[in-house]
Amino acid sequence: MRALPVRLDAVLVQAVIAAALSFAHLHDLASAAGQHGWKAWAYPVSVDLLLVAAWRRLRSGGAKAAGWCWFLVALTASLGANVATAGLLDLGAVPAWLRILVAGWPAVAFLGGTLLAHGVTADAPTTEPASAPQPTAPKAPASAAELPAAEPEPALPSTPSVPPALVALARKVADEHRARTGTPIDTSTLRARLGVPLPLAEAIVTRLT
């Protein structure tokens, strides 16, 4: 089997060495400030993770102000540990203010990581896609109900029906009028004698002739 060639990147090697040294300095400073055991190892991890989260925010192109802010905070913590452990600080007698900073760092790192992970990742406002125009239905022709109604033709007057009993009574009245006056009874007289409406009187007269 052929061995795969291993290509070393000088920048990557330098980054690994710098990270390891910074990791060790942060561990030593946390341990000197009273954070022993696993807590001393957790401090450099939190600083490095905050640096990575801030760098990813800067690379994403959104909310650069927040990214630069937390990147500088994490970088200050890393550089401060490197300088403090370079012989400028007696690790056997760490001042109280430094112990307070080390003890409060987890809350700062948690806040920064949360804001970077769940903050807005883009400054450009999102625009809603324009809705497609709705097709308009063709206008239906006017229905028969909408057309103007034709005027009804005037109904022809119908001849009212005359009961046979009324015809017989009218004939009797007409005979008496002829016997008394010698002339046929007219419509007005028949109407007055029977007390019927004029159309009905006219219909009775047509039956008598």
N, C-alpha and C. Protein backbone atom coordinates (compact mmCIF):
# COMPACT_ATOMS: atom_id res chain seq x y z
N MET A 1 0.84 -1.19 0.00
CA MET A 1 0.00 0.00 0.00
C MET A 1 0.88 1.25 0.00
N ARG A 2 0.48 2.23 -0.83
CA ARG A 2 1.22 3.48 -0.89
C ARG A 2 0.79 4.39 0.25
N ALA A 3 1.75 4.96 0.91
CA ALA A 3 1.44 5.89 2.01
C ALA A 3 0.99 7.22 1.42
N LEU A 4 -0.06 7.74 1.97
CA LEU A 4 -0.57 9.02 1.50
C LEU A 4 0.38 10.13 1.93
N PRO A 5 0.71 11.02 1.00
CA PRO A 5 1.63 12.11 1.38
C PRO A 5 0.95 13.06 2.35
N VAL A 6 1.68 13.47 3.36
CA VAL A 6 1.17 14.38 4.37
C VAL A 6 1.73 15.76 4.08
N ARG A 7 0.82 16.71 3.81
CA ARG A 7 1.23 18.07 3.51
C ARG A 7 0.95 18.95 4.73
N LEU A 8 2.00 19.51 5.29
CA LEU A 8 1.88 20.33 6.47
C LEU A 8 1.77 21.79 6.06
N ASP A 9 0.78 22.46 6.61
CA ASP A 9 0.58 23.88 6.37
C ASP A 9 1.25 24.63 7.51
N ALA A 10 2.18 25.51 7.17
CA ALA A 10 2.94 26.23 8.20
C ALA A 10 2.03 27.11 9.04
N VAL A 11 1.03 27.71 8.40
CA VAL A 11 0.12 28.56 9.15
C VAL A 11 -0.70 27.74 10.14
N LEU A 12 -1.12 26.53 9.69
CA LEU A 12 -1.90 25.67 10.57
C LEU A 12 -1.08 25.20 11.76
N VAL A 13 0.18 24.84 11.50
CA VAL A 13 1.06 24.39 12.59
C VAL A 13 1.27 25.52 13.58
N GLN A 14 1.46 26.74 13.07
CA GLN A 14 1.66 27.88 13.95
C GLN A 14 0.42 28.16 14.79
N ALA A 15 -0.76 28.00 14.18
CA ALA A 15 -2.01 28.22 14.90
C ALA A 15 -2.18 27.19 16.01
N VAL A 16 -1.82 25.93 15.73
CA VAL A 16 -1.95 24.88 16.75
C VAL A 16 -1.02 25.16 17.92
N ILE A 17 0.21 25.59 17.62
CA ILE A 17 1.16 25.88 18.70
C ILE A 17 0.69 27.05 19.55
N ALA A 18 0.19 28.12 18.87
CA ALA A 18 -0.28 29.30 19.61
C ALA A 18 -1.48 28.95 20.48
N ALA A 19 -2.38 28.12 19.94
CA ALA A 19 -3.56 27.73 20.70
C ALA A 19 -3.17 26.90 21.91
N ALA A 20 -2.21 26.01 21.73
CA ALA A 20 -1.78 25.17 22.86
C ALA A 20 -1.14 26.00 23.96
N LEU A 21 -0.31 26.96 23.58
CA LEU A 21 0.33 27.81 24.58
C LEU A 21 -0.69 28.67 25.31
N SER A 22 -1.61 29.26 24.53
CA SER A 22 -2.64 30.08 25.16
C SER A 22 -3.53 29.24 26.07
N PHE A 23 -3.81 28.00 25.63
CA PHE A 23 -4.62 27.09 26.45
C PHE A 23 -3.93 26.82 27.79
N ALA A 24 -2.63 26.61 27.73
CA ALA A 24 -1.89 26.32 28.96
C ALA A 24 -1.82 27.53 29.87
N HIS A 25 -1.65 28.71 29.29
CA HIS A 25 -1.59 29.92 30.12
C HIS A 25 -2.92 30.18 30.82
N LEU A 26 -4.02 29.99 30.09
CA LEU A 26 -5.33 30.19 30.71
C LEU A 26 -5.57 29.18 31.83
N HIS A 27 -5.12 27.96 31.60
CA HIS A 27 -5.27 26.93 32.64
C HIS A 27 -4.48 27.31 33.90
N ASP A 28 -3.27 27.78 33.69
CA ASP A 28 -2.42 28.13 34.84
C ASP A 28 -3.01 29.32 35.61
N LEU A 29 -3.52 30.31 34.85
CA LEU A 29 -4.08 31.48 35.52
C LEU A 29 -5.34 31.12 36.30
N ALA A 30 -6.21 30.28 35.71
CA ALA A 30 -7.42 29.88 36.41
C ALA A 30 -7.09 29.06 37.65
N SER A 31 -6.10 28.21 37.55
CA SER A 31 -5.72 27.41 38.71
C SER A 31 -5.13 28.28 39.81
N ALA A 32 -4.35 29.31 39.43
CA ALA A 32 -3.76 30.20 40.43
C ALA A 32 -4.83 31.07 41.09
N ALA A 33 -5.96 31.32 40.35
CA ALA A 33 -7.03 32.16 40.90
C ALA A 33 -8.02 31.35 41.73
N GLY A 34 -7.71 30.09 42.01
CA GLY A 34 -8.56 29.30 42.89
C GLY A 34 -9.48 28.32 42.19
N GLN A 35 -9.38 28.21 40.84
CA GLN A 35 -10.22 27.27 40.09
C GLN A 35 -9.39 26.03 39.81
N HIS A 36 -9.57 25.00 40.62
CA HIS A 36 -8.73 23.81 40.52
C HIS A 36 -9.47 22.67 39.81
N GLY A 37 -8.72 21.64 39.46
CA GLY A 37 -9.31 20.45 38.86
C GLY A 37 -9.83 20.72 37.45
N TRP A 38 -10.99 20.11 37.17
CA TRP A 38 -11.56 20.25 35.82
C TRP A 38 -11.96 21.67 35.50
N LYS A 39 -12.25 22.50 36.53
CA LYS A 39 -12.64 23.89 36.29
C LYS A 39 -11.50 24.68 35.66
N ALA A 40 -10.27 24.37 36.04
CA ALA A 40 -9.14 25.07 35.45
C ALA A 40 -9.00 24.76 33.96
N TRP A 41 -9.39 23.55 33.55
CA TRP A 41 -9.34 23.18 32.12
C TRP A 41 -10.54 23.74 31.35
N ALA A 42 -11.64 23.98 32.06
CA ALA A 42 -12.83 24.49 31.36
C ALA A 42 -12.69 25.95 30.95
N TYR A 43 -11.86 26.71 31.67
CA TYR A 43 -11.69 28.13 31.35
C TYR A 43 -11.08 28.34 29.96
N PRO A 44 -9.96 27.72 29.63
CA PRO A 44 -9.43 27.92 28.28
C PRO A 44 -10.36 27.41 27.18
N VAL A 45 -11.12 26.35 27.48
CA VAL A 45 -12.07 25.85 26.48
C VAL A 45 -13.13 26.91 26.19
N SER A 46 -13.66 27.57 27.24
CA SER A 46 -14.70 28.57 27.04
C SER A 46 -14.17 29.78 26.28
N VAL A 47 -12.91 30.17 26.54
CA VAL A 47 -12.33 31.30 25.81
C VAL A 47 -12.16 30.96 24.33
N ASP A 48 -11.64 29.78 24.04
CA ASP A 48 -11.42 29.39 22.65
C ASP A 48 -12.75 29.24 21.90
N LEU A 49 -13.77 28.68 22.58
CA LEU A 49 -15.07 28.53 21.92
C LEU A 49 -15.70 29.89 21.62
N LEU A 50 -15.51 30.85 22.52
CA LEU A 50 -16.06 32.19 22.26
C LEU A 50 -15.33 32.84 21.09
N LEU A 51 -14.02 32.61 20.98
CA LEU A 51 -13.28 33.13 19.84
C LEU A 51 -13.78 32.52 18.53
N VAL A 52 -14.01 31.22 18.54
CA VAL A 52 -14.49 30.55 17.33
C VAL A 52 -15.88 31.04 16.95
N ALA A 53 -16.77 31.20 17.95
CA ALA A 53 -18.13 31.67 17.66
C ALA A 53 -18.12 33.09 17.09
N ALA A 54 -17.27 33.96 17.67
CA ALA A 54 -17.18 35.32 17.16
C ALA A 54 -16.60 35.35 15.75
N TRP A 55 -15.61 34.50 15.48
CA TRP A 55 -15.01 34.45 14.15
C TRP A 55 -16.01 33.94 13.12
N ARG A 56 -16.80 32.97 13.49
CA ARG A 56 -17.83 32.47 12.56
C ARG A 56 -18.87 33.53 12.26
N ARG A 57 -19.22 34.34 13.27
CA ARG A 57 -20.18 35.41 13.04
C ARG A 57 -19.60 36.45 12.06
N LEU A 58 -18.31 36.76 12.21
CA LEU A 58 -17.68 37.70 11.30
C LEU A 58 -17.60 37.13 9.88
N ARG A 59 -17.39 35.83 9.76
CA ARG A 59 -17.31 35.22 8.43
C ARG A 59 -18.67 35.12 7.77
N SER A 60 -19.73 35.04 8.57
CA SER A 60 -21.08 34.91 8.00
C SER A 60 -21.55 36.20 7.36
N GLY A 61 -20.97 37.34 7.71
CA GLY A 61 -21.34 38.60 7.09
C GLY A 61 -22.47 39.33 7.75
N GLY A 62 -23.01 38.82 8.85
CA GLY A 62 -24.13 39.47 9.51
C GLY A 62 -23.79 39.85 10.94
N ALA A 63 -24.33 41.00 11.40
CA ALA A 63 -24.13 41.50 12.75
C ALA A 63 -22.65 41.55 13.10
N LYS A 64 -21.88 42.28 12.29
CA LYS A 64 -20.44 42.33 12.51
C LYS A 64 -20.07 43.06 13.79
N ALA A 65 -20.89 44.02 14.20
CA ALA A 65 -20.57 44.75 15.43
C ALA A 65 -20.52 43.80 16.63
N ALA A 66 -21.54 42.92 16.75
CA ALA A 66 -21.55 41.95 17.85
C ALA A 66 -20.39 40.97 17.72
N GLY A 67 -20.09 40.55 16.49
CA GLY A 67 -18.97 39.63 16.30
C GLY A 67 -17.64 40.22 16.72
N TRP A 68 -17.39 41.47 16.32
CA TRP A 68 -16.13 42.11 16.71
C TRP A 68 -16.07 42.36 18.22
N CYS A 69 -17.20 42.70 18.82
CA CYS A 69 -17.22 42.97 20.26
C CYS A 69 -16.81 41.74 21.05
N TRP A 70 -17.44 40.59 20.77
CA TRP A 70 -17.13 39.39 21.54
C TRP A 70 -15.79 38.78 21.14
N PHE A 71 -15.36 39.03 19.91
CA PHE A 71 -14.03 38.57 19.51
C PHE A 71 -12.95 39.30 20.30
N LEU A 72 -13.12 40.61 20.49
CA LEU A 72 -12.15 41.39 21.27
C LEU A 72 -12.18 41.00 22.75
N VAL A 73 -13.37 40.69 23.27
CA VAL A 73 -13.46 40.25 24.67
C VAL A 73 -12.69 38.96 24.89
N ALA A 74 -12.93 37.97 24.00
CA ALA A 74 -12.23 36.69 24.14
C ALA A 74 -10.73 36.85 23.89
N LEU A 75 -10.36 37.71 22.91
CA LEU A 75 -8.94 37.92 22.63
C LEU A 75 -8.23 38.60 23.81
N THR A 76 -8.94 39.55 24.46
CA THR A 76 -8.37 40.21 25.64
C THR A 76 -8.14 39.21 26.78
N ALA A 77 -9.10 38.30 26.97
CA ALA A 77 -8.94 37.28 28.02
C ALA A 77 -7.76 36.37 27.72
N SER A 78 -7.58 36.00 26.44
CA SER A 78 -6.48 35.12 26.09
C SER A 78 -5.13 35.83 26.21
N LEU A 79 -5.06 37.05 25.68
CA LEU A 79 -3.80 37.80 25.77
C LEU A 79 -3.48 38.17 27.21
N GLY A 80 -4.52 38.50 28.00
CA GLY A 80 -4.28 38.84 29.40
C GLY A 80 -3.67 37.68 30.16
N ALA A 81 -4.15 36.45 29.88
CA ALA A 81 -3.59 35.28 30.55
C ALA A 81 -2.15 35.04 30.12
N ASN A 82 -1.87 35.27 28.82
CA ASN A 82 -0.51 35.06 28.33
C ASN A 82 0.46 36.05 28.99
N VAL A 83 0.03 37.31 29.09
CA VAL A 83 0.91 38.32 29.68
C VAL A 83 1.06 38.11 31.19
N ALA A 84 -0.06 37.74 31.85
CA ALA A 84 -0.01 37.58 33.31
C ALA A 84 0.88 36.43 33.73
N THR A 85 0.93 35.38 32.91
CA THR A 85 1.74 34.21 33.27
C THR A 85 3.15 34.28 32.70
N ALA A 86 3.52 35.44 32.12
CA ALA A 86 4.87 35.58 31.54
C ALA A 86 5.87 36.12 32.56
N GLY A 87 5.52 36.08 33.82
CA GLY A 87 6.43 36.54 34.86
C GLY A 87 6.04 37.88 35.44
N LEU A 88 5.02 38.54 34.90
CA LEU A 88 4.60 39.83 35.42
C LEU A 88 3.68 39.70 36.62
N LEU A 89 3.19 38.49 36.88
CA LEU A 89 2.23 38.28 37.97
C LEU A 89 2.72 37.13 38.83
N ASP A 90 2.68 37.34 40.11
CA ASP A 90 3.05 36.27 41.04
C ASP A 90 1.86 35.34 41.17
N LEU A 91 1.95 34.14 40.56
CA LEU A 91 0.84 33.20 40.59
C LEU A 91 0.60 32.64 41.98
N GLY A 92 1.50 32.88 42.90
CA GLY A 92 1.29 32.42 44.26
C GLY A 92 0.48 33.40 45.08
N ALA A 93 0.36 34.63 44.58
CA ALA A 93 -0.42 35.65 45.30
C ALA A 93 -1.22 36.46 44.28
N VAL A 94 -2.27 35.85 43.79
CA VAL A 94 -3.12 36.49 42.77
C VAL A 94 -3.98 37.55 43.45
N PRO A 95 -4.03 38.78 42.92
CA PRO A 95 -4.84 39.83 43.56
C PRO A 95 -6.33 39.49 43.52
N ALA A 96 -7.07 40.17 44.41
CA ALA A 96 -8.50 39.87 44.54
C ALA A 96 -9.28 40.24 43.28
N TRP A 97 -8.92 41.37 42.63
CA TRP A 97 -9.67 41.78 41.44
C TRP A 97 -9.54 40.76 40.31
N LEU A 98 -8.36 40.10 40.22
CA LEU A 98 -8.18 39.07 39.20
C LEU A 98 -8.98 37.82 39.53
N ARG A 99 -9.07 37.50 40.81
CA ARG A 99 -9.91 36.35 41.21
C ARG A 99 -11.39 36.62 40.85
N ILE A 100 -11.81 37.90 41.02
CA ILE A 100 -13.20 38.25 40.67
C ILE A 100 -13.43 38.12 39.16
N LEU A 101 -12.46 38.57 38.36
CA LEU A 101 -12.60 38.46 36.91
C LEU A 101 -12.65 37.00 36.46
N VAL A 102 -11.80 36.18 37.05
CA VAL A 102 -11.79 34.76 36.67
C VAL A 102 -13.10 34.08 37.09
N ALA A 103 -13.59 34.42 38.28
CA ALA A 103 -14.84 33.80 38.76
C ALA A 103 -16.04 34.26 37.92
N GLY A 104 -16.01 35.49 37.40
CA GLY A 104 -17.14 35.98 36.61
C GLY A 104 -17.06 35.66 35.14
N TRP A 105 -15.93 35.08 34.70
CA TRP A 105 -15.79 34.80 33.28
C TRP A 105 -16.82 33.80 32.73
N PRO A 106 -17.20 32.72 33.43
CA PRO A 106 -18.18 31.79 32.85
C PRO A 106 -19.49 32.45 32.45
N ALA A 107 -19.98 33.39 33.27
CA ALA A 107 -21.22 34.08 32.92
C ALA A 107 -21.05 34.94 31.68
N VAL A 108 -19.90 35.61 31.56
CA VAL A 108 -19.63 36.43 30.38
C VAL A 108 -19.55 35.56 29.13
N ALA A 109 -18.84 34.44 29.23
CA ALA A 109 -18.71 33.54 28.08
C ALA A 109 -20.06 32.95 27.68
N PHE A 110 -20.88 32.61 28.67
CA PHE A 110 -22.21 32.07 28.35
C PHE A 110 -23.08 33.09 27.63
N LEU A 111 -23.04 34.35 28.12
CA LEU A 111 -23.83 35.40 27.49
C LEU A 111 -23.36 35.65 26.06
N GLY A 112 -22.06 35.75 25.88
CA GLY A 112 -21.54 35.99 24.53
C GLY A 112 -21.85 34.85 23.58
N GLY A 113 -21.67 33.62 24.02
CA GLY A 113 -21.97 32.48 23.15
C GLY A 113 -23.43 32.40 22.78
N THR A 114 -24.32 32.70 23.74
CA THR A 114 -25.75 32.66 23.46
C THR A 114 -26.15 33.74 22.45
N LEU A 115 -25.65 34.96 22.63
CA LEU A 115 -25.99 36.03 21.71
C LEU A 115 -25.44 35.78 20.31
N LEU A 116 -24.26 35.20 20.23
CA LEU A 116 -23.69 34.91 18.91
C LEU A 116 -24.39 33.75 18.21
N ALA A 117 -24.83 32.77 18.99
CA ALA A 117 -25.46 31.60 18.39
C ALA A 117 -26.90 31.85 17.99
N HIS A 118 -27.61 32.70 18.75
CA HIS A 118 -29.04 32.90 18.50
C HIS A 118 -29.37 34.32 18.07
N GLY A 119 -28.38 35.11 17.73
CA GLY A 119 -28.64 36.46 17.26
C GLY A 119 -29.02 36.48 15.80
N VAL A 120 -29.26 37.68 15.28
CA VAL A 120 -29.60 37.85 13.87
C VAL A 120 -28.36 37.62 13.04
N THR A 121 -28.44 36.80 12.03
CA THR A 121 -27.28 36.46 11.21
C THR A 121 -27.20 37.27 9.94
N ALA A 122 -28.14 38.12 9.69
CA ALA A 122 -28.13 38.92 8.46
C ALA A 122 -28.73 40.27 8.76
N ASP A 123 -28.04 41.34 8.28
CA ASP A 123 -28.54 42.68 8.49
C ASP A 123 -29.55 43.10 7.44
N ALA A 124 -29.50 42.45 6.26
CA ALA A 124 -30.40 42.84 5.19
C ALA A 124 -31.80 42.40 5.51
N PRO A 125 -32.78 43.30 5.38
CA PRO A 125 -34.16 42.90 5.66
C PRO A 125 -34.67 41.94 4.62
N THR A 126 -35.43 41.00 5.09
CA THR A 126 -36.02 40.02 4.17
C THR A 126 -37.28 40.59 3.57
N THR A 127 -37.39 40.41 2.28
CA THR A 127 -38.56 40.92 1.56
C THR A 127 -39.44 39.75 1.18
N GLU A 128 -40.71 39.92 1.36
CA GLU A 128 -41.65 38.88 1.00
C GLU A 128 -41.82 38.84 -0.51
N PRO A 129 -41.87 37.65 -1.09
CA PRO A 129 -42.06 37.57 -2.54
C PRO A 129 -43.41 38.13 -2.93
N ALA A 130 -43.35 38.86 -4.05
CA ALA A 130 -44.60 39.46 -4.54
C ALA A 130 -45.56 38.36 -4.96
N SER A 131 -46.75 38.48 -4.51
CA SER A 131 -47.75 37.48 -4.84
C SER A 131 -48.15 37.61 -6.30
N ALA A 132 -48.32 36.48 -6.94
CA ALA A 132 -48.70 36.48 -8.35
C ALA A 132 -50.11 37.02 -8.51
N PRO A 133 -50.33 37.79 -9.58
CA PRO A 133 -51.69 38.34 -9.77
C PRO A 133 -52.70 37.23 -10.00
N GLN A 134 -53.81 37.35 -9.33
CA GLN A 134 -54.85 36.35 -9.45
C GLN A 134 -55.58 36.52 -10.78
N PRO A 135 -55.76 35.42 -11.52
CA PRO A 135 -56.48 35.54 -12.80
C PRO A 135 -57.93 35.95 -12.56
N THR A 136 -58.35 36.89 -13.39
CA THR A 136 -59.74 37.36 -13.27
C THR A 136 -60.64 36.53 -14.15
N ALA A 137 -61.75 36.11 -13.60
CA ALA A 137 -62.70 35.30 -14.35
C ALA A 137 -63.40 36.16 -15.39
N PRO A 138 -63.64 35.62 -16.60
CA PRO A 138 -64.36 36.41 -17.62
C PRO A 138 -65.75 36.75 -17.15
N LYS A 139 -66.16 37.96 -17.51
CA LYS A 139 -67.47 38.44 -17.08
C LYS A 139 -68.55 37.69 -17.84
N ALA A 140 -69.46 37.11 -17.09
CA ALA A 140 -70.54 36.34 -17.71
C ALA A 140 -71.54 37.28 -18.35
N PRO A 141 -72.16 36.85 -19.47
CA PRO A 141 -73.18 37.71 -20.09
C PRO A 141 -74.36 37.90 -19.17
N ALA A 142 -75.02 38.99 -19.40
CA ALA A 142 -76.17 39.31 -18.55
C ALA A 142 -77.21 38.22 -18.64
N SER A 143 -77.66 37.76 -17.50
CA SER A 143 -78.65 36.71 -17.47
C SER A 143 -80.02 37.27 -17.82
N ALA A 144 -80.93 36.34 -18.00
CA ALA A 144 -82.28 36.76 -18.36
C ALA A 144 -82.94 37.57 -17.25
N ALA A 145 -82.49 37.29 -15.98
CA ALA A 145 -83.10 38.04 -14.88
C ALA A 145 -82.66 39.50 -14.88
N GLU A 146 -81.44 39.78 -15.47
CA GLU A 146 -80.95 41.15 -15.48
C GLU A 146 -81.50 41.95 -16.65
N LEU A 147 -82.04 41.28 -17.67
CA LEU A 147 -82.58 42.00 -18.81
C LEU A 147 -83.86 42.72 -18.39
N PRO A 148 -84.16 43.88 -19.05
CA PRO A 148 -85.40 44.60 -18.69
C PRO A 148 -86.63 43.76 -19.02
N ALA A 149 -87.50 43.69 -18.05
CA ALA A 149 -88.71 42.87 -18.23
C ALA A 149 -89.65 43.53 -19.24
N ALA A 150 -90.20 42.70 -20.09
CA ALA A 150 -91.16 43.22 -21.08
C ALA A 150 -92.46 43.61 -20.39
N GLU A 151 -93.00 44.71 -20.87
CA GLU A 151 -94.24 45.17 -20.27
C GLU A 151 -95.38 44.21 -20.62
N PRO A 152 -96.15 43.81 -19.64
CA PRO A 152 -97.24 42.87 -19.93
C PRO A 152 -98.33 43.54 -20.78
N GLU A 153 -98.86 42.74 -21.70
CA GLU A 153 -99.94 43.25 -22.55
C GLU A 153 -101.21 43.40 -21.72
N PRO A 154 -101.94 44.45 -21.98
CA PRO A 154 -103.20 44.63 -21.21
C PRO A 154 -104.16 43.48 -21.47
N ALA A 155 -104.65 42.93 -20.40
CA ALA A 155 -105.57 41.80 -20.51
C ALA A 155 -106.92 42.27 -21.01
N LEU A 156 -107.48 41.50 -21.92
CA LEU A 156 -108.80 41.82 -22.45
C LEU A 156 -109.85 41.58 -21.37
N PRO A 157 -110.79 42.48 -21.26
CA PRO A 157 -111.83 42.28 -20.24
C PRO A 157 -112.62 41.02 -20.52
N SER A 158 -112.68 40.20 -19.54
CA SER A 158 -113.41 38.93 -19.69
C SER A 158 -114.87 39.13 -19.27
N THR A 159 -115.75 38.41 -19.91
CA THR A 159 -117.18 38.48 -19.61
C THR A 159 -117.44 37.74 -18.32
N PRO A 160 -117.96 38.44 -17.33
CA PRO A 160 -118.22 37.75 -16.06
C PRO A 160 -119.26 36.65 -16.24
N SER A 161 -119.03 35.60 -15.49
CA SER A 161 -120.01 34.49 -15.55
C SER A 161 -121.28 34.89 -14.79
N VAL A 162 -122.43 34.50 -15.36
CA VAL A 162 -123.75 34.85 -14.78
C VAL A 162 -124.42 33.57 -14.32
N PRO A 163 -124.75 33.50 -13.06
CA PRO A 163 -125.46 32.31 -12.57
C PRO A 163 -126.81 32.14 -13.28
N PRO A 164 -127.23 30.92 -13.55
CA PRO A 164 -128.53 30.70 -14.22
C PRO A 164 -129.71 31.27 -13.44
N ALA A 165 -129.63 31.23 -12.11
CA ALA A 165 -130.75 31.76 -11.32
C ALA A 165 -130.88 33.26 -11.52
N LEU A 166 -129.71 33.94 -11.63
CA LEU A 166 -129.77 35.38 -11.85
C LEU A 166 -130.28 35.70 -13.25
N VAL A 167 -129.98 34.85 -14.22
CA VAL A 167 -130.50 35.06 -15.58
C VAL A 167 -132.02 34.89 -15.60
N ALA A 168 -132.49 33.90 -14.86
CA ALA A 168 -133.95 33.68 -14.82
C ALA A 168 -134.66 34.84 -14.14
N LEU A 169 -134.04 35.38 -13.06
CA LEU A 169 -134.65 36.53 -12.39
C LEU A 169 -134.64 37.75 -13.29
N ALA A 170 -133.55 37.94 -14.00
CA ALA A 170 -133.47 39.08 -14.91
C ALA A 170 -134.48 38.96 -16.04
N ARG A 171 -134.71 37.75 -16.52
CA ARG A 171 -135.70 37.57 -17.59
C ARG A 171 -137.11 37.91 -17.10
N LYS A 172 -137.38 37.54 -15.88
CA LYS A 172 -138.70 37.84 -15.32
C LYS A 172 -138.90 39.34 -15.17
N VAL A 173 -137.79 40.03 -14.68
CA VAL A 173 -137.88 41.49 -14.54
C VAL A 173 -138.02 42.15 -15.90
N ALA A 174 -137.36 41.61 -16.92
CA ALA A 174 -137.44 42.18 -18.26
C ALA A 174 -138.84 41.98 -18.85
N ASP A 175 -139.43 40.82 -18.61
CA ASP A 175 -140.78 40.58 -19.13
C ASP A 175 -141.79 41.53 -18.47
N GLU A 176 -141.67 41.72 -17.17
CA GLU A 176 -142.59 42.64 -16.50
C GLU A 176 -142.42 44.07 -17.04
N HIS A 177 -141.14 44.46 -17.29
CA HIS A 177 -140.92 45.80 -17.83
C HIS A 177 -141.52 45.94 -19.22
N ARG A 178 -141.43 44.93 -20.08
CA ARG A 178 -142.00 45.00 -21.42
C ARG A 178 -143.53 45.04 -21.36
N ALA A 179 -144.10 44.24 -20.44
CA ALA A 179 -145.57 44.24 -20.34
C ALA A 179 -146.09 45.57 -19.84
N ARG A 180 -145.34 46.24 -19.00
CA ARG A 180 -145.80 47.50 -18.44
C ARG A 180 -145.54 48.68 -19.37
N THR A 181 -144.34 48.69 -20.01
CA THR A 181 -143.96 49.85 -20.82
C THR A 181 -144.06 49.59 -22.30
N GLY A 182 -144.08 48.33 -22.69
CA GLY A 182 -144.13 47.99 -24.11
C GLY A 182 -142.78 48.10 -24.80
N THR A 183 -141.70 48.37 -24.04
CA THR A 183 -140.35 48.47 -24.62
C THR A 183 -139.41 47.52 -23.88
N PRO A 184 -138.32 47.07 -24.57
CA PRO A 184 -137.37 46.19 -23.88
C PRO A 184 -136.66 46.94 -22.76
N ILE A 185 -136.29 46.25 -21.76
CA ILE A 185 -135.59 46.87 -20.62
C ILE A 185 -134.15 47.20 -21.04
N ASP A 186 -133.68 48.35 -20.62
CA ASP A 186 -132.29 48.74 -20.94
C ASP A 186 -131.35 48.29 -19.81
N THR A 187 -130.06 48.45 -20.07
CA THR A 187 -129.05 47.96 -19.12
C THR A 187 -129.10 48.72 -17.80
N SER A 188 -129.27 50.04 -17.84
CA SER A 188 -129.27 50.82 -16.61
C SER A 188 -130.44 50.45 -15.71
N THR A 189 -131.64 50.27 -16.37
CA THR A 189 -132.81 49.92 -15.59
C THR A 189 -132.66 48.54 -14.98
N LEU A 190 -132.12 47.58 -15.78
CA LEU A 190 -131.93 46.22 -15.27
C LEU A 190 -130.90 46.23 -14.13
N ARG A 191 -129.91 47.03 -14.28
CA ARG A 191 -128.88 47.10 -13.23
C ARG A 191 -129.48 47.67 -11.95
N ALA A 192 -130.35 48.70 -12.08
CA ALA A 192 -130.96 49.30 -10.90
C ALA A 192 -131.95 48.34 -10.25
N ARG A 193 -132.70 47.57 -11.07
CA ARG A 193 -133.69 46.65 -10.50
C ARG A 193 -133.01 45.47 -9.79
N LEU A 194 -131.87 44.99 -10.37
CA LEU A 194 -131.20 43.82 -9.77
C LEU A 194 -130.15 44.22 -8.73
N GLY A 195 -129.66 45.46 -8.78
CA GLY A 195 -128.61 45.88 -7.83
C GLY A 195 -127.29 45.19 -8.07
N VAL A 196 -126.91 45.05 -9.35
CA VAL A 196 -125.66 44.36 -9.69
C VAL A 196 -124.71 45.37 -10.33
N PRO A 197 -123.40 45.09 -10.40
CA PRO A 197 -122.45 45.98 -11.07
C PRO A 197 -122.76 46.09 -12.56
N LEU A 198 -122.26 47.15 -13.18
CA LEU A 198 -122.53 47.40 -14.59
C LEU A 198 -122.01 46.29 -15.49
N PRO A 199 -120.78 45.76 -15.31
CA PRO A 199 -120.34 44.66 -16.20
C PRO A 199 -121.24 43.44 -16.11
N LEU A 200 -121.69 43.14 -14.87
CA LEU A 200 -122.59 41.98 -14.74
C LEU A 200 -123.94 42.25 -15.38
N ALA A 201 -124.42 43.49 -15.28
CA ALA A 201 -125.70 43.83 -15.93
C ALA A 201 -125.59 43.72 -17.44
N GLU A 202 -124.45 44.13 -18.01
CA GLU A 202 -124.28 44.01 -19.44
C GLU A 202 -124.22 42.55 -19.88
N ALA A 203 -123.58 41.71 -19.04
CA ALA A 203 -123.52 40.29 -19.39
C ALA A 203 -124.91 39.65 -19.33
N ILE A 204 -125.72 40.11 -18.39
CA ILE A 204 -127.11 39.55 -18.30
C ILE A 204 -127.94 39.98 -19.51
N VAL A 205 -127.73 41.23 -19.94
CA VAL A 205 -128.49 41.71 -21.11
C VAL A 205 -128.17 40.90 -22.34
N THR A 206 -126.87 40.50 -22.49
CA THR A 206 -126.49 39.67 -23.65
C THR A 206 -127.15 38.30 -23.59
N ARG A 207 -127.42 37.83 -22.38
CA ARG A 207 -128.09 36.53 -22.26
C ARG A 207 -129.59 36.63 -22.57
N LEU A 208 -130.12 37.81 -22.34
CA LEU A 208 -131.58 37.95 -22.55
C LEU A 208 -131.94 38.13 -24.02
N THR A 209 -130.98 38.59 -24.82
CA THR A 209 -131.28 38.82 -26.23
C THR A 209 -131.18 37.56 -27.03
